[in-house]
Amino acid sequence: MALTKDFNETVKNRLQRSEGFRRALLREAVGCMISGDLETGKSVLRKYINGTIGFVKLGADLGRSPKVLMRMFSPIAIPETLHPETTALKWTRPSGSGDLAQNQNRPQ
């Protein structure tokens, strides 16, 4: 268990320091989802959200409960809950940077 915690902390620290890493991780998450590997895509996107804006702030910005958003990106979530018009995926659309951390003040 300690290895996972250290890994998650490492990813979070790197996300906070490197715009290039944020972009690459986001691109990987979306690429996995598009190619049909939803489990990996959701896992990577969850790490991305935790390391950038966080589920509490994202939930407030989207008007959704953070717990609901966390469930959407859990391994047992129903794929239909990831529709881009109703979830955090709308934050991944390009608005100049295509970076969730940079898009946190976008209007809905």
N, C-alpha and C. Protein backbone atom coordinates (compact mmCIF):
# COMPACT_ATOMS: atom_id res chain seq x y z
N MET A 1 0.82 -1.19 0.00
CA MET A 1 0.00 0.00 0.00
C MET A 1 0.87 1.26 0.00
N ALA A 2 1.98 1.23 0.70
CA ALA A 2 2.85 2.41 0.76
C ALA A 2 3.36 2.79 -0.62
N LEU A 3 3.64 1.80 -1.46
CA LEU A 3 4.14 2.07 -2.80
C LEU A 3 3.11 2.88 -3.59
N THR A 4 1.84 2.53 -3.51
CA THR A 4 0.79 3.26 -4.22
C THR A 4 0.70 4.69 -3.72
N LYS A 5 0.75 4.88 -2.42
CA LYS A 5 0.67 6.23 -1.87
C LYS A 5 1.85 7.07 -2.35
N ASP A 6 3.06 6.50 -2.32
CA ASP A 6 4.23 7.22 -2.81
C ASP A 6 4.09 7.55 -4.28
N PHE A 7 3.61 6.59 -5.07
CA PHE A 7 3.43 6.82 -6.50
C PHE A 7 2.42 7.94 -6.74
N ASN A 8 1.29 7.89 -6.06
CA ASN A 8 0.26 8.92 -6.23
C ASN A 8 0.79 10.29 -5.82
N GLU A 9 1.56 10.36 -4.77
CA GLU A 9 2.15 11.63 -4.34
C GLU A 9 3.15 12.14 -5.39
N THR A 10 3.92 11.21 -5.95
CA THR A 10 4.88 11.59 -6.99
C THR A 10 4.16 12.16 -8.20
N VAL A 11 3.10 11.50 -8.63
CA VAL A 11 2.31 11.97 -9.77
C VAL A 11 1.71 13.34 -9.46
N LYS A 12 1.14 13.49 -8.28
CA LYS A 12 0.53 14.77 -7.89
C LYS A 12 1.56 15.90 -7.90
N ASN A 13 2.73 15.65 -7.33
CA ASN A 13 3.78 16.66 -7.31
C ASN A 13 4.23 17.02 -8.73
N ARG A 14 4.36 16.03 -9.57
CA ARG A 14 4.79 16.28 -10.95
C ARG A 14 3.72 17.05 -11.72
N LEU A 15 2.45 16.74 -11.49
CA LEU A 15 1.35 17.46 -12.14
C LEU A 15 1.35 18.92 -11.75
N GLN A 16 1.65 19.20 -10.51
CA GLN A 16 1.64 20.58 -10.03
C GLN A 16 2.82 21.38 -10.57
N ARG A 17 3.92 20.70 -10.90
CA ARG A 17 5.12 21.38 -11.36
C ARG A 17 5.24 21.52 -12.87
N SER A 18 4.66 20.59 -13.62
CA SER A 18 4.97 20.52 -15.05
C SER A 18 3.73 20.58 -15.94
N GLU A 19 3.61 21.66 -16.70
CA GLU A 19 2.51 21.79 -17.65
C GLU A 19 2.59 20.70 -18.72
N GLY A 20 3.79 20.38 -19.16
CA GLY A 20 3.96 19.33 -20.17
C GLY A 20 3.47 17.98 -19.67
N PHE A 21 3.75 17.68 -18.41
CA PHE A 21 3.29 16.43 -17.82
C PHE A 21 1.77 16.41 -17.71
N ARG A 22 1.19 17.56 -17.32
CA ARG A 22 -0.28 17.64 -17.23
C ARG A 22 -0.91 17.35 -18.59
N ARG A 23 -0.37 17.98 -19.62
CA ARG A 23 -0.91 17.77 -20.97
C ARG A 23 -0.77 16.32 -21.41
N ALA A 24 0.40 15.74 -21.15
CA ALA A 24 0.65 14.36 -21.56
C ALA A 24 -0.27 13.38 -20.83
N LEU A 25 -0.46 13.60 -19.54
CA LEU A 25 -1.32 12.70 -18.76
C LEU A 25 -2.77 12.83 -19.21
N LEU A 26 -3.22 14.05 -19.45
CA LEU A 26 -4.58 14.28 -19.93
C LEU A 26 -4.77 13.63 -21.30
N ARG A 27 -3.80 13.81 -22.18
CA ARG A 27 -3.87 13.22 -23.52
C ARG A 27 -3.94 11.69 -23.42
N GLU A 28 -3.16 11.11 -22.52
CA GLU A 28 -3.17 9.66 -22.31
C GLU A 28 -4.53 9.19 -21.82
N ALA A 29 -5.11 9.90 -20.85
CA ALA A 29 -6.41 9.52 -20.30
C ALA A 29 -7.49 9.54 -21.37
N VAL A 30 -7.55 10.62 -22.11
CA VAL A 30 -8.57 10.74 -23.16
C VAL A 30 -8.32 9.72 -24.26
N GLY A 31 -7.06 9.51 -24.62
CA GLY A 31 -6.72 8.52 -25.64
C GLY A 31 -7.16 7.12 -25.25
N CYS A 32 -6.95 6.77 -23.99
CA CYS A 32 -7.39 5.45 -23.50
C CYS A 32 -8.91 5.31 -23.61
N MET A 33 -9.63 6.35 -23.23
CA MET A 33 -11.09 6.31 -23.27
C MET A 33 -11.59 6.21 -24.70
N ILE A 34 -10.98 6.97 -25.60
CA ILE A 34 -11.40 6.93 -27.00
C ILE A 34 -11.15 5.56 -27.61
N SER A 35 -10.03 4.94 -27.23
CA SER A 35 -9.69 3.63 -27.80
C SER A 35 -10.47 2.49 -27.14
N GLY A 36 -11.29 2.80 -26.14
CA GLY A 36 -12.13 1.78 -25.52
C GLY A 36 -11.61 1.25 -24.20
N ASP A 37 -10.46 1.69 -23.75
CA ASP A 37 -9.92 1.25 -22.48
C ASP A 37 -10.39 2.20 -21.38
N LEU A 38 -11.68 2.10 -21.05
CA LEU A 38 -12.28 3.03 -20.09
C LEU A 38 -11.70 2.89 -18.69
N GLU A 39 -11.38 1.67 -18.30
CA GLU A 39 -10.86 1.46 -16.95
C GLU A 39 -9.55 2.23 -16.75
N THR A 40 -8.63 2.11 -17.68
CA THR A 40 -7.36 2.83 -17.58
C THR A 40 -7.57 4.32 -17.73
N GLY A 41 -8.41 4.73 -18.68
CA GLY A 41 -8.68 6.14 -18.89
C GLY A 41 -9.24 6.81 -17.66
N LYS A 42 -10.19 6.15 -17.00
CA LYS A 42 -10.78 6.71 -15.79
C LYS A 42 -9.77 6.79 -14.66
N SER A 43 -8.92 5.78 -14.55
CA SER A 43 -7.90 5.77 -13.51
C SER A 43 -6.91 6.91 -13.70
N VAL A 44 -6.46 7.10 -14.93
CA VAL A 44 -5.51 8.17 -15.22
C VAL A 44 -6.18 9.53 -15.03
N LEU A 45 -7.42 9.67 -15.47
CA LEU A 45 -8.12 10.95 -15.32
C LEU A 45 -8.37 11.27 -13.85
N ARG A 46 -8.64 10.24 -13.06
CA ARG A 46 -8.84 10.46 -11.62
C ARG A 46 -7.54 10.99 -10.98
N LYS A 47 -6.40 10.40 -11.35
CA LYS A 47 -5.12 10.88 -10.84
C LYS A 47 -4.88 12.32 -11.30
N TYR A 48 -5.25 12.60 -12.55
CA TYR A 48 -5.08 13.94 -13.10
C TYR A 48 -5.90 14.96 -12.30
N ILE A 49 -7.16 14.64 -12.05
CA ILE A 49 -8.04 15.55 -11.31
C ILE A 49 -7.52 15.74 -9.89
N ASN A 50 -7.14 14.64 -9.23
CA ASN A 50 -6.61 14.74 -7.87
C ASN A 50 -5.34 15.59 -7.81
N GLY A 51 -4.53 15.52 -8.85
CA GLY A 51 -3.27 16.24 -8.85
C GLY A 51 -3.36 17.67 -9.34
N THR A 52 -4.50 18.08 -9.86
CA THR A 52 -4.65 19.45 -10.38
C THR A 52 -5.73 20.18 -9.59
N ILE A 53 -6.92 20.19 -10.08
CA ILE A 53 -8.00 20.99 -9.50
C ILE A 53 -8.60 20.34 -8.25
N GLY A 54 -8.64 19.02 -8.18
CA GLY A 54 -9.25 18.30 -7.06
C GLY A 54 -10.76 18.14 -7.26
N PHE A 55 -11.31 17.10 -6.70
CA PHE A 55 -12.73 16.80 -6.88
C PHE A 55 -13.65 17.79 -6.17
N VAL A 56 -13.22 18.35 -5.07
CA VAL A 56 -14.06 19.31 -4.35
C VAL A 56 -14.27 20.57 -5.19
N LYS A 57 -13.20 21.14 -5.70
CA LYS A 57 -13.29 22.34 -6.53
C LYS A 57 -14.00 22.04 -7.84
N LEU A 58 -13.68 20.90 -8.45
CA LEU A 58 -14.33 20.51 -9.70
C LEU A 58 -15.83 20.35 -9.49
N GLY A 59 -16.23 19.72 -8.39
CA GLY A 59 -17.65 19.55 -8.09
C GLY A 59 -18.35 20.89 -7.91
N ALA A 60 -17.69 21.81 -7.22
CA ALA A 60 -18.27 23.15 -7.02
C ALA A 60 -18.41 23.87 -8.36
N ASP A 61 -17.40 23.78 -9.21
CA ASP A 61 -17.44 24.44 -10.51
C ASP A 61 -18.51 23.85 -11.43
N LEU A 62 -18.75 22.54 -11.30
CA LEU A 62 -19.73 21.88 -12.16
C LEU A 62 -21.12 21.81 -11.54
N GLY A 63 -21.23 22.20 -10.26
CA GLY A 63 -22.52 22.10 -9.59
C GLY A 63 -22.90 20.65 -9.31
N ARG A 64 -21.90 19.80 -9.10
CA ARG A 64 -22.12 18.38 -8.83
C ARG A 64 -21.41 18.01 -7.53
N SER A 65 -21.90 17.01 -6.88
CA SER A 65 -21.26 16.52 -5.68
C SER A 65 -19.90 15.91 -6.02
N PRO A 66 -18.86 16.23 -5.24
CA PRO A 66 -17.55 15.61 -5.49
C PRO A 66 -17.63 14.08 -5.41
N LYS A 67 -18.47 13.57 -4.52
CA LYS A 67 -18.60 12.11 -4.41
C LYS A 67 -19.18 11.50 -5.67
N VAL A 68 -20.12 12.19 -6.30
CA VAL A 68 -20.69 11.70 -7.56
C VAL A 68 -19.60 11.68 -8.63
N LEU A 69 -18.81 12.74 -8.70
CA LEU A 69 -17.73 12.79 -9.68
C LEU A 69 -16.70 11.69 -9.42
N MET A 70 -16.37 11.45 -8.15
CA MET A 70 -15.42 10.38 -7.83
C MET A 70 -15.95 9.03 -8.27
N ARG A 71 -17.25 8.82 -8.08
CA ARG A 71 -17.86 7.56 -8.52
C ARG A 71 -17.83 7.42 -10.03
N MET A 72 -18.01 8.54 -10.75
CA MET A 72 -17.97 8.50 -12.21
C MET A 72 -16.64 7.98 -12.72
N PHE A 73 -15.58 8.26 -11.99
CA PHE A 73 -14.25 7.85 -12.42
C PHE A 73 -13.72 6.64 -11.66
N SER A 74 -14.61 5.97 -10.93
CA SER A 74 -14.21 4.76 -10.22
C SER A 74 -14.23 3.58 -11.19
N PRO A 75 -13.58 2.47 -10.83
CA PRO A 75 -13.55 1.31 -11.72
C PRO A 75 -14.92 0.71 -12.01
N ILE A 76 -15.91 0.95 -11.14
CA ILE A 76 -17.22 0.33 -11.35
C ILE A 76 -18.25 1.28 -11.95
N ALA A 77 -17.83 2.47 -12.35
CA ALA A 77 -18.77 3.45 -12.91
C ALA A 77 -19.34 2.96 -14.24
N ILE A 78 -20.56 3.34 -14.52
CA ILE A 78 -21.22 3.01 -15.78
C ILE A 78 -20.69 3.96 -16.86
N PRO A 79 -20.24 3.45 -18.01
CA PRO A 79 -19.65 4.32 -19.03
C PRO A 79 -20.53 5.48 -19.46
N GLU A 80 -21.84 5.32 -19.44
CA GLU A 80 -22.73 6.40 -19.85
C GLU A 80 -22.64 7.62 -18.94
N THR A 81 -22.14 7.43 -17.70
CA THR A 81 -22.03 8.56 -16.79
C THR A 81 -20.88 9.48 -17.20
N LEU A 82 -20.07 9.06 -18.15
CA LEU A 82 -18.93 9.87 -18.58
C LEU A 82 -19.25 10.72 -19.79
N HIS A 83 -20.52 10.94 -20.08
CA HIS A 83 -20.89 11.77 -21.22
C HIS A 83 -20.27 13.16 -21.05
N PRO A 84 -19.57 13.66 -22.08
CA PRO A 84 -18.82 14.91 -21.92
C PRO A 84 -19.67 16.14 -21.62
N GLU A 85 -20.93 16.13 -21.94
CA GLU A 85 -21.76 17.30 -21.66
C GLU A 85 -22.22 17.35 -20.21
N THR A 86 -22.09 16.25 -19.48
CA THR A 86 -22.62 16.22 -18.12
C THR A 86 -21.56 15.99 -17.07
N THR A 87 -20.31 15.88 -17.45
CA THR A 87 -19.27 15.58 -16.46
C THR A 87 -18.06 16.47 -16.60
N ALA A 88 -17.06 16.10 -15.87
CA ALA A 88 -15.80 16.84 -15.86
C ALA A 88 -15.10 16.80 -17.21
N LEU A 89 -15.49 15.89 -18.09
CA LEU A 89 -14.82 15.81 -19.39
C LEU A 89 -14.99 17.09 -20.19
N LYS A 90 -16.05 17.86 -19.92
CA LYS A 90 -16.20 19.10 -20.66
C LYS A 90 -15.07 20.08 -20.33
N TRP A 91 -14.40 19.88 -19.21
CA TRP A 91 -13.28 20.74 -18.83
C TRP A 91 -12.03 20.41 -19.63
N THR A 92 -12.02 19.27 -20.32
CA THR A 92 -10.83 18.89 -21.08
C THR A 92 -10.86 19.46 -22.49
N ARG A 93 -11.97 20.08 -22.89
CA ARG A 93 -12.03 20.69 -24.22
C ARG A 93 -11.08 21.86 -24.30
N PRO A 94 -10.44 22.03 -25.44
CA PRO A 94 -9.50 23.15 -25.57
C PRO A 94 -10.18 24.50 -25.36
N SER A 95 -9.55 25.32 -24.54
CA SER A 95 -9.99 26.70 -24.37
C SER A 95 -8.74 27.55 -24.34
N GLY A 96 -7.84 27.16 -25.16
CA GLY A 96 -6.55 27.83 -25.18
C GLY A 96 -5.47 26.87 -24.75
N SER A 97 -5.60 26.32 -23.54
CA SER A 97 -4.54 25.47 -23.03
C SER A 97 -4.89 23.99 -23.07
N GLY A 98 -6.18 23.64 -23.04
CA GLY A 98 -6.57 22.24 -22.97
C GLY A 98 -6.14 21.60 -21.66
N ASP A 99 -5.93 22.40 -20.66
CA ASP A 99 -5.38 21.94 -19.40
C ASP A 99 -6.41 22.19 -18.30
N LEU A 100 -6.83 21.13 -17.63
CA LEU A 100 -7.85 21.25 -16.60
C LEU A 100 -7.46 22.27 -15.55
N ALA A 101 -6.21 22.28 -15.16
CA ALA A 101 -5.77 23.23 -14.14
C ALA A 101 -5.89 24.67 -14.63
N GLN A 102 -5.73 24.89 -15.92
CA GLN A 102 -5.84 26.22 -16.47
C GLN A 102 -7.29 26.61 -16.76
N ASN A 103 -8.17 25.61 -16.91
CA ASN A 103 -9.55 25.86 -17.30
C ASN A 103 -10.49 25.98 -16.09
N GLN A 104 -9.97 26.01 -14.89
CA GLN A 104 -10.83 25.94 -13.72
C GLN A 104 -11.73 27.16 -13.55
N ASN A 105 -11.48 28.24 -14.25
CA ASN A 105 -12.33 29.42 -14.13
C ASN A 105 -13.23 29.61 -15.35
N ARG A 106 -13.32 28.61 -16.21
CA ARG A 106 -14.15 28.71 -17.41
C ARG A 106 -15.61 28.77 -17.03
N PRO A 107 -16.40 29.57 -17.75
CA PRO A 107 -17.85 29.58 -17.49
C PRO A 107 -18.47 28.28 -17.98
N GLN A 108 -19.59 27.90 -17.39
CA GLN A 108 -20.23 26.64 -17.77
C GLN A 108 -21.10 26.80 -18.98
